[in-house]
C-alpha cells in the first residue's frame, strides 16, 4: 500500500512540475515583447528605438508588416511559443520545413523525431547552409541558439540529447517554419 501511495505522490509531483513549467512558459510568452526585446538587446547591443536591419535588408517595421505577430516575436525578437501549442510539434507529413521569413530550406521530415518536448525536433538540418548557431546566455542559462543562415531568423535552440546518428536535438518553434510537401 505504501508503494502505491508513494508512486501516486510521485506522479502528482511530476504533473505539478509540468504544470508549473508550462505556466512559466505561458507567462513568459504573454510578456514576450519586454523580455525578448531586452534579451535581444543584451545579445546584439541594439538599444530600444533602434530599427536594426536583418540580413535580408528589412527593418523590424517591415517584418511586422509581413509576418504574423507570433512569427515576428519568434523570428525577430527571439521569443518561444508555449510547448505543445505550435502547428508542427505533432506533424507527421513528408516534406521540407522552410524558414517563414526567407523560404530557406531548414529541415527535412526525414530527420524529424518526437522528443517529447512539445516543439518540433530534428536531429540534423537540411544542409550546411541551412542553420547557424551562436551562444545564448539569456535567462541565466548557457544554451546554443539556432537561426536561419540565410536571413538570421531565430528558430530555437540546439541540445545534445537527440537520437542517433548525430545525438543532437534542434528544438524549433513552429512559428519560425513553413511546411512544403515533397
C-alpha atoms as a PDB file:
ATOM      1  CA  UNK A   1       0.000   0.000   0.000  1.00  0.00           C
ATOM      2  CA  UNK A   2       2.862   2.395   0.866  1.00  0.00           C
ATOM      3  CA  UNK A   3       4.430   1.734  -2.549  1.00  0.00           C
ATOM      4  CA  UNK A   4       1.181   2.634  -4.307  1.00  0.00           C
ATOM      5  CA  UNK A   5       0.852   5.852  -2.301  1.00  0.00           C
ATOM      6  CA  UNK A   6       4.486   6.728  -2.967  1.00  0.00           C
ATOM      7  CA  UNK A   7       4.075   6.095  -6.696  1.00  0.00           C
ATOM      8  CA  UNK A   8       0.876   8.177  -6.778  1.00  0.00           C
ATOM      9  CA  UNK A   9       2.597  11.017  -4.921  1.00  0.00           C
ATOM     10  CA  UNK A  10       5.498  10.894  -7.403  1.00  0.00           C
ATOM     11  CA  UNK A  11       3.101  11.141 -10.349  1.00  0.00           C
ATOM     12  CA  UNK A  12       1.312  14.087  -8.728  1.00  0.00           C
ATOM     13  CA  UNK A  13       4.606  15.893  -8.075  1.00  0.00           C
ATOM     14  CA  UNK A  14       5.731  15.334 -11.682  1.00  0.00           C
ATOM     15  CA  UNK A  15       2.383  16.569 -13.019  1.00  0.00           C
ATOM     16  CA  UNK A  16       2.563  19.643 -10.784  1.00  0.00           C
ATOM     17  CA  UNK A  17       6.086  20.398 -12.021  1.00  0.00           C
ATOM     18  CA  UNK A  18       4.953  20.046 -15.641  1.00  0.00           C
ATOM     19  CA  UNK A  19       2.060  22.439 -14.980  1.00  0.00           C
ATOM     20  CA  UNK A  20       4.370  24.958 -13.296  1.00  0.00           C
ATOM     21  CA  UNK A  21       6.813  24.780 -16.200  1.00  0.00           C
ATOM     22  CA  UNK A  22       4.008  25.378 -18.705  1.00  0.00           C
ATOM     23  CA  UNK A  23       2.666  28.263 -16.596  1.00  0.00           C
ATOM     24  CA  UNK A  24       6.167  29.763 -16.541  1.00  0.00           C
ATOM     25  CA  UNK A  25       6.486  29.400 -20.331  1.00  0.00           C
ATOM     26  CA  UNK A  26       2.966  30.793 -20.863  1.00  0.00           C
ATOM     27  CA  UNK A  27       3.618  33.769 -18.587  1.00  0.00           C
ATOM     28  CA  UNK A  28       6.953  34.388 -20.267  1.00  0.00           C
ATOM     29  CA  UNK A  29       5.272  34.326 -23.657  1.00  0.00           C
ATOM     30  CA  UNK A  30       2.485  36.643 -22.548  1.00  0.00           C
ATOM     31  CA  UNK A  31       5.248  39.098 -21.729  1.00  0.00           C
ATOM     32  CA  UNK A  32       7.142  38.387 -24.977  1.00  0.00           C
ATOM     33  CA  UNK A  33       7.980  41.883 -26.067  1.00  0.00           C
ATOM     34  CA  UNK A  34       9.567  43.333 -22.976  1.00  0.00           C
ATOM     35  CA  UNK A  35      11.614  40.275 -22.038  1.00  0.00           C
ATOM     36  CA  UNK A  36      12.524  39.173 -25.534  1.00  0.00           C
ATOM     37  CA  UNK A  37      13.451  42.660 -26.636  1.00  0.00           C
ATOM     38  CA  UNK A  38      15.603  43.164 -23.540  1.00  0.00           C
ATOM     39  CA  UNK A  39      17.358  39.811 -24.118  1.00  0.00           C
ATOM     40  CA  UNK A  40      17.867  40.562 -27.807  1.00  0.00           C
ATOM     41  CA  UNK A  41      19.303  43.978 -26.931  1.00  0.00           C
ATOM     42  CA  UNK A  42      21.734  42.375 -24.483  1.00  0.00           C
ATOM     43  CA  UNK A  43      22.841  39.838 -27.110  1.00  0.00           C
ATOM     44  CA  UNK A  44      23.120  42.203 -30.078  1.00  0.00           C
ATOM     45  CA  UNK A  45      23.903  45.541 -28.465  1.00  0.00           C
ATOM     46  CA  UNK A  46      20.856  47.144 -30.139  1.00  0.00           C
ATOM     47  CA  UNK A  47      19.007  49.609 -27.978  1.00  0.00           C
ATOM     48  CA  UNK A  48      15.317  50.376 -27.860  1.00  0.00           C
ATOM     49  CA  UNK A  49      14.359  52.821 -30.556  1.00  0.00           C
ATOM     50  CA  UNK A  50      16.936  51.404 -32.953  1.00  0.00           C
ATOM     51  CA  UNK A  51      15.464  49.820 -36.070  1.00  0.00           C
ATOM     52  CA  UNK A  52      18.029  47.125 -36.813  1.00  0.00           C
ATOM     53  CA  UNK A  53      18.242  45.736 -40.325  1.00  0.00           C
ATOM     54  CA  UNK A  54      18.166  41.972 -40.957  1.00  0.00           C
ATOM     55  CA  UNK A  55      20.466  40.085 -43.332  1.00  0.00           C
ATOM     56  CA  UNK A  56      17.746  40.492 -45.970  1.00  0.00           C
ATOM     57  CA  UNK A  57      17.803  44.275 -45.600  1.00  0.00           C
ATOM     58  CA  UNK A  58      14.375  44.502 -43.923  1.00  0.00           C
ATOM     59  CA  UNK A  59      13.755  46.646 -40.863  1.00  0.00           C
ATOM     60  CA  UNK A  60      11.742  45.470 -37.860  1.00  0.00           C
ATOM     61  CA  UNK A  61       8.817  47.563 -39.076  1.00  0.00           C
ATOM     62  CA  UNK A  62       8.917  45.844 -42.487  1.00  0.00           C
ATOM     63  CA  UNK A  63       8.976  42.402 -40.814  1.00  0.00           C
ATOM     64  CA  UNK A  64       5.984  43.407 -38.657  1.00  0.00           C
ATOM     65  CA  UNK A  65       4.034  44.063 -41.863  1.00  0.00           C
ATOM     66  CA  UNK A  66       4.861  40.715 -43.490  1.00  0.00           C
ATOM     67  CA  UNK A  67       4.758  38.298 -40.523  1.00  0.00           C
ATOM     68  CA  UNK A  68       2.037  37.383 -38.038  1.00  0.00           C
ATOM     69  CA  UNK A  69       2.627  38.809 -34.537  1.00  0.00           C
ATOM     70  CA  UNK A  70       3.740  35.371 -33.286  1.00  0.00           C
ATOM     71  CA  UNK A  71       6.118  34.840 -36.243  1.00  0.00           C
ATOM     72  CA  UNK A  72       7.599  38.293 -35.687  1.00  0.00           C
ATOM     73  CA  UNK A  73       8.143  37.750 -31.944  1.00  0.00           C
ATOM     74  CA  UNK A  74       9.770  34.369 -32.521  1.00  0.00           C
ATOM     75  CA  UNK A  75      11.967  35.115 -35.549  1.00  0.00           C
ATOM     76  CA  UNK A  76      12.844  38.761 -34.870  1.00  0.00           C
ATOM     77  CA  UNK A  77      12.733  39.044 -31.067  1.00  0.00           C
ATOM     78  CA  UNK A  78      13.843  35.530 -30.065  1.00  0.00           C
ATOM     79  CA  UNK A  79      10.656  34.542 -28.247  1.00  0.00           C
ATOM     80  CA  UNK A  80       9.405  31.000 -27.698  1.00  0.00           C
ATOM     81  CA  UNK A  81       5.925  29.613 -28.248  1.00  0.00           C
ATOM     82  CA  UNK A  82       4.451  27.556 -25.382  1.00  0.00           C
ATOM     83  CA  UNK A  83       5.133  23.813 -25.557  1.00  0.00           C
ATOM     84  CA  UNK A  84       2.554  21.619 -27.324  1.00  0.00           C
ATOM     85  CA  UNK A  85       0.854  24.625 -28.982  1.00  0.00           C
ATOM     86  CA  UNK A  86       2.725  25.034 -32.261  1.00  0.00           C
ATOM     87  CA  UNK A  87       1.454  23.963 -35.663  1.00  0.00           C
ATOM     88  CA  UNK A  88       4.218  21.405 -36.297  1.00  0.00           C
ATOM     89  CA  UNK A  89       5.071  19.792 -32.938  1.00  0.00           C
ATOM     90  CA  UNK A  90       2.867  16.765 -33.782  1.00  0.00           C
ATOM     91  CA  UNK A  91       3.134  16.990 -37.578  1.00  0.00           C
ATOM     92  CA  UNK A  92       3.981  13.789 -39.454  1.00  0.00           C
ATOM     93  CA  UNK A  93       3.694  14.575 -43.183  1.00  0.00           C
ATOM     94  CA  UNK A  94       6.590  14.001 -45.579  1.00  0.00           C
ATOM     95  CA  UNK A  95       8.267  17.158 -46.801  1.00  0.00           C
ATOM     96  CA  UNK A  96      10.526  20.079 -46.014  1.00  0.00           C
ATOM     97  CA  UNK A  97      10.404  22.725 -43.296  1.00  0.00           C
ATOM     98  CA  UNK A  98      11.310  26.160 -44.633  1.00  0.00           C
ATOM     99  CA  UNK A  99      12.148  29.470 -42.936  1.00  0.00           C
ATOM    100  CA  UNK A 100       8.964  31.522 -42.557  1.00  0.00           C
ATOM    101  CA  UNK A 101      10.904  34.717 -43.346  1.00  0.00           C
ATOM    102  CA  UNK A 102      13.036  33.832 -46.380  1.00  0.00           C
ATOM    103  CA  UNK A 103      11.991  30.368 -47.596  1.00  0.00           C
ATOM    104  CA  UNK A 104      15.413  28.798 -46.943  1.00  0.00           C
ATOM    105  CA  UNK A 105      15.126  25.013 -46.505  1.00  0.00           C
ATOM    106  CA  UNK A 106      15.943  24.315 -42.853  1.00  0.00           C
ATOM    107  CA  UNK A 107      14.929  20.744 -42.023  1.00  0.00           C
ATOM    108  CA  UNK A 108      13.502  17.608 -43.638  1.00  0.00           C
ATOM    109  CA  UNK A 109      10.753  15.389 -42.280  1.00  0.00           C
ATOM    110  CA  UNK A 110      13.320  12.576 -42.629  1.00  0.00           C
ATOM    111  CA  UNK A 111      15.204  13.943 -39.595  1.00  0.00           C
ATOM    112  CA  UNK A 112      12.157  14.936 -37.503  1.00  0.00           C
ATOM    113  CA  UNK A 113      11.503  12.956 -34.325  1.00  0.00           C
ATOM    114  CA  UNK A 114       9.245  13.087 -31.280  1.00  0.00           C
ATOM    115  CA  UNK A 115      11.412  14.397 -28.452  1.00  0.00           C
ATOM    116  CA  UNK A 116       8.519  14.717 -26.014  1.00  0.00           C
ATOM    117  CA  UNK A 117       9.420  18.392 -25.556  1.00  0.00           C
ATOM    118  CA  UNK A 118       6.323  19.853 -27.244  1.00  0.00           C
ATOM    119  CA  UNK A 119       8.304  21.536 -30.022  1.00  0.00           C
ATOM    120  CA  UNK A 120       9.256  20.217 -33.461  1.00  0.00           C
ATOM    121  CA  UNK A 121      12.605  18.451 -33.096  1.00  0.00           C
ATOM    122  CA  UNK A 122      15.141  17.387 -35.712  1.00  0.00           C
ATOM    123  CA  UNK A 123      18.473  15.596 -35.370  1.00  0.00           C
ATOM    124  CA  UNK A 124      20.059  17.340 -38.358  1.00  0.00           C
ATOM    125  CA  UNK A 125      19.484  20.414 -40.550  1.00  0.00           C
ATOM    126  CA  UNK A 126      18.750  20.042 -44.272  1.00  0.00           C
ATOM    127  CA  UNK A 127      22.265  21.169 -45.266  1.00  0.00           C
ATOM    128  CA  UNK A 128      25.349  23.006 -44.026  1.00  0.00           C
ATOM    129  CA  UNK A 129      23.899  26.259 -45.402  1.00  0.00           C
ATOM    130  CA  UNK A 130      20.583  25.902 -43.550  1.00  0.00           C
ATOM    131  CA  UNK A 131      21.102  26.648 -39.872  1.00  0.00           C
ATOM    132  CA  UNK A 132      23.614  28.757 -37.971  1.00  0.00           C
ATOM    133  CA  UNK A 133      24.472  28.598 -34.277  1.00  0.00           C
ATOM    134  CA  UNK A 134      25.523  31.062 -31.600  1.00  0.00           C
ATOM    135  CA  UNK A 135      25.924  31.154 -27.834  1.00  0.00           C
ATOM    136  CA  UNK A 136      22.828  32.278 -25.934  1.00  0.00           C
ATOM    137  CA  UNK A 137      23.206  33.367 -22.291  1.00  0.00           C
ATOM    138  CA  UNK A 138      19.654  34.724 -21.832  1.00  0.00           C
ATOM    139  CA  UNK A 139      17.540  33.831 -18.772  1.00  0.00           C
ATOM    140  CA  UNK A 140      20.635  32.909 -16.786  1.00  0.00           C
ATOM    141  CA  UNK A 141      21.331  29.796 -18.890  1.00  0.00           C
ATOM    142  CA  UNK A 142      24.045  28.838 -21.342  1.00  0.00           C
ATOM    143  CA  UNK A 143      22.458  27.428 -24.499  1.00  0.00           C
ATOM    144  CA  UNK A 144      23.093  27.299 -28.232  1.00  0.00           C
ATOM    145  CA  UNK A 145      20.659  29.379 -30.265  1.00  0.00           C
ATOM    146  CA  UNK A 146      19.902  28.238 -33.813  1.00  0.00           C
ATOM    147  CA  UNK A 147      18.967  30.626 -36.571  1.00  0.00           C
ATOM    148  CA  UNK A 148      18.389  30.625 -40.319  1.00  0.00           C
ATOM    149  CA  UNK A 149      21.776  31.047 -42.014  1.00  0.00           C
ATOM    150  CA  UNK A 150      20.218  32.978 -44.906  1.00  0.00           C
ATOM    151  CA  UNK A 151      18.217  35.671 -43.059  1.00  0.00           C
ATOM    152  CA  UNK A 152      19.214  35.337 -39.390  1.00  0.00           C
ATOM    153  CA  UNK A 153      15.714  34.438 -38.122  1.00  0.00           C
ATOM    154  CA  UNK A 154      15.647  32.967 -34.617  1.00  0.00           C
ATOM    155  CA  UNK A 155      14.468  29.346 -34.837  1.00  0.00           C
ATOM    156  CA  UNK A 156      15.038  27.821 -31.393  1.00  0.00           C
ATOM    157  CA  UNK A 157      17.863  26.039 -29.584  1.00  0.00           C
ATOM    158  CA  UNK A 158      20.225  23.100 -30.023  1.00  0.00           C
ATOM    159  CA  UNK A 159      20.691  20.404 -27.376  1.00  0.00           C
ATOM    160  CA  UNK A 160      22.943  17.346 -27.194  1.00  0.00           C
ATOM    161  CA  UNK A 161      20.242  14.877 -26.114  1.00  0.00           C
ATOM    162  CA  UNK A 162      18.973  13.795 -29.538  1.00  0.00           C
ATOM    163  CA  UNK A 163      18.891  10.375 -31.197  1.00  0.00           C
ATOM    164  CA  UNK A 164      21.497   8.698 -33.371  1.00  0.00           C
ATOM    165  CA  UNK A 165      23.173   9.312 -35.732  1.00  0.00           C
ATOM    166  CA  UNK A 166      24.015  12.853 -34.517  1.00  0.00           C
ATOM    167  CA  UNK A 167      22.950  12.858 -30.864  1.00  0.00           C
ATOM    168  CA  UNK A 168      21.614  16.383 -31.465  1.00  0.00           C
ATOM    169  CA  UNK A 169      18.152  17.884 -30.950  1.00  0.00           C
ATOM    170  CA  UNK A 170      17.290  21.025 -32.882  1.00  0.00           C
ATOM    171  CA  UNK A 171      14.312  22.239 -30.838  1.00  0.00           C
ATOM    172  CA  UNK A 172      12.480  24.659 -33.135  1.00  0.00           C
ATOM    173  CA  UNK A 173       9.461  26.947 -32.820  1.00  0.00           C
ATOM    174  CA  UNK A 174       6.645  26.105 -35.256  1.00  0.00           C
ATOM    175  CA  UNK A 175       6.154  29.842 -35.737  1.00  0.00           C
ATOM    176  CA  UNK A 176       9.555  30.032 -37.471  1.00  0.00           C
ATOM    177  CA  UNK A 177       8.618  27.356 -40.021  1.00  0.00           C
ATOM    178  CA  UNK A 178       6.544  26.795 -43.129  1.00  0.00           C
ATOM    179  CA  UNK A 179       5.963  23.250 -44.369  1.00  0.00           C
ATOM    180  CA  UNK A 180       6.189  22.191 -48.023  1.00  0.00           C
ATOM    181  CA  UNK A 181       5.215  18.686 -49.146  1.00  0.00           C
ATOM    182  CA  UNK A 182       7.839  16.729 -51.096  1.00  0.00           C
END
